[in-house]
Amino acid sequence: MYVTIVIPDALAARLGNAAELPRRALEALVLEAYRAGRLSSPELGDMLGLESRYEVDGFLKEHGVYEDYTMADLQRERESLKQLDF
């Protein structure tokens, strides 16, 4: 799908150069959809062409978005690790 956005020239100059704006608009759209729970992190990565989970995590951290990680998550991971025989 292609989307066209009309931005007044006076404002567009403050938002970035013409080459940067399409990517910045896509990132803003995808980031907001992720924050709202409409996209998963793998979907976010696909839309932005990120190849790994590490790139997705880096993108999210750059934009101040962190996964919720609870004490229950930590405990569950600790239990899983105990089951592994090192």
Protein backbone atom coordinates (compact mmCIF):
# COMPACT_ATOMS: atom_id res chain seq x y z
CA MET A 1 0.00 0.00 0.00
CA TYR A 2 1.17 3.48 -0.76
CA VAL A 3 0.14 6.46 1.33
CA THR A 4 0.59 10.09 0.38
CA ILE A 5 0.89 12.74 3.06
CA VAL A 6 0.61 16.43 2.23
CA ILE A 7 2.75 18.62 4.47
CA PRO A 8 2.94 22.40 4.02
CA ASP A 9 6.41 23.39 2.81
CA ALA A 10 6.96 25.69 5.78
CA LEU A 11 6.47 22.80 8.17
CA ALA A 12 8.17 20.14 6.06
CA ALA A 13 11.47 22.00 6.20
CA ARG A 14 11.37 21.84 10.00
CA LEU A 15 10.59 18.10 10.00
CA GLY A 16 13.62 17.07 7.95
CA ASN A 17 14.81 16.91 4.39
CA ALA A 18 12.70 15.33 1.66
CA ALA A 19 14.81 12.17 1.59
CA GLU A 20 14.33 11.55 5.34
CA LEU A 21 10.63 12.28 5.69
CA PRO A 22 9.16 9.04 4.27
CA ARG A 23 11.25 6.89 6.62
CA ARG A 24 10.60 9.13 9.61
CA ALA A 25 6.85 9.05 8.92
CA LEU A 26 6.91 5.25 8.63
CA GLU A 27 8.87 4.91 11.87
CA ALA A 28 6.45 7.21 13.70
CA LEU A 29 3.42 5.30 12.40
CA VAL A 30 4.85 1.88 13.25
CA LEU A 31 6.09 3.01 16.66
CA GLU A 32 2.69 4.40 17.62
CA ALA A 33 0.95 1.23 16.42
CA TYR A 34 3.35 -0.85 18.54
CA ARG A 35 2.76 1.31 21.62
CA ALA A 36 -0.99 0.95 21.13
CA GLY A 37 -0.68 -2.84 20.90
CA ARG A 38 -1.73 -3.03 17.25
CA LEU A 39 1.64 -4.44 16.11
CA SER A 40 3.89 -7.06 17.63
CA SER A 41 7.65 -6.56 17.76
CA PRO A 42 8.22 -9.03 14.86
CA GLU A 43 5.65 -7.12 12.78
CA LEU A 44 7.38 -3.84 13.66
CA GLY A 45 10.68 -5.33 12.51
CA ASP A 46 9.15 -6.55 9.25
CA MET A 47 7.66 -3.16 8.45
CA LEU A 48 10.94 -1.37 9.11
CA GLY A 49 13.13 -3.97 7.41
CA LEU A 50 14.96 -4.85 10.62
CA GLU A 51 16.59 -8.25 10.35
CA SER A 52 16.94 -9.34 13.95
CA ARG A 53 15.34 -9.11 17.35
CA TYR A 54 18.39 -7.12 18.48
CA GLU A 55 17.75 -4.48 15.82
CA VAL A 56 14.10 -4.26 16.88
CA ASP A 57 15.10 -3.90 20.54
CA GLY A 58 17.63 -1.23 19.59
CA PHE A 59 15.04 0.70 17.60
CA LEU A 60 12.57 0.56 20.48
CA LYS A 61 15.18 1.65 23.02
CA GLU A 62 16.24 4.56 20.79
CA HIS A 63 12.65 5.74 20.96
CA GLY A 64 12.21 5.22 24.69
CA VAL A 65 10.01 2.14 24.44
CA TYR A 66 10.86 -0.70 26.78
CA GLU A 67 9.16 -4.06 27.17
CA ASP A 68 7.25 -4.63 30.35
CA TYR A 69 9.27 -7.13 32.33
CA THR A 70 7.74 -8.16 35.62
CA MET A 71 9.00 -10.06 38.61
CA ALA A 72 6.78 -12.93 37.45
CA ASP A 73 8.67 -12.95 34.13
CA LEU A 74 11.98 -13.11 36.00
CA GLN A 75 10.78 -15.93 38.22
CA ARG A 76 9.49 -17.90 35.22
CA GLU A 77 12.85 -17.54 33.49
CA ARG A 78 14.72 -18.56 36.62
CA GLU A 79 12.59 -21.71 36.90
CA SER A 80 13.24 -22.53 33.26
CA LEU A 81 16.98 -22.13 33.73
CA LYS A 82 16.93 -24.42 36.79
CA GLN A 83 15.48 -27.16 34.59
CA LEU A 84 18.45 -26.99 32.23
CA ASP A 85 21.33 -29.20 33.14
CA PHE A 86 24.61 -27.31 32.71
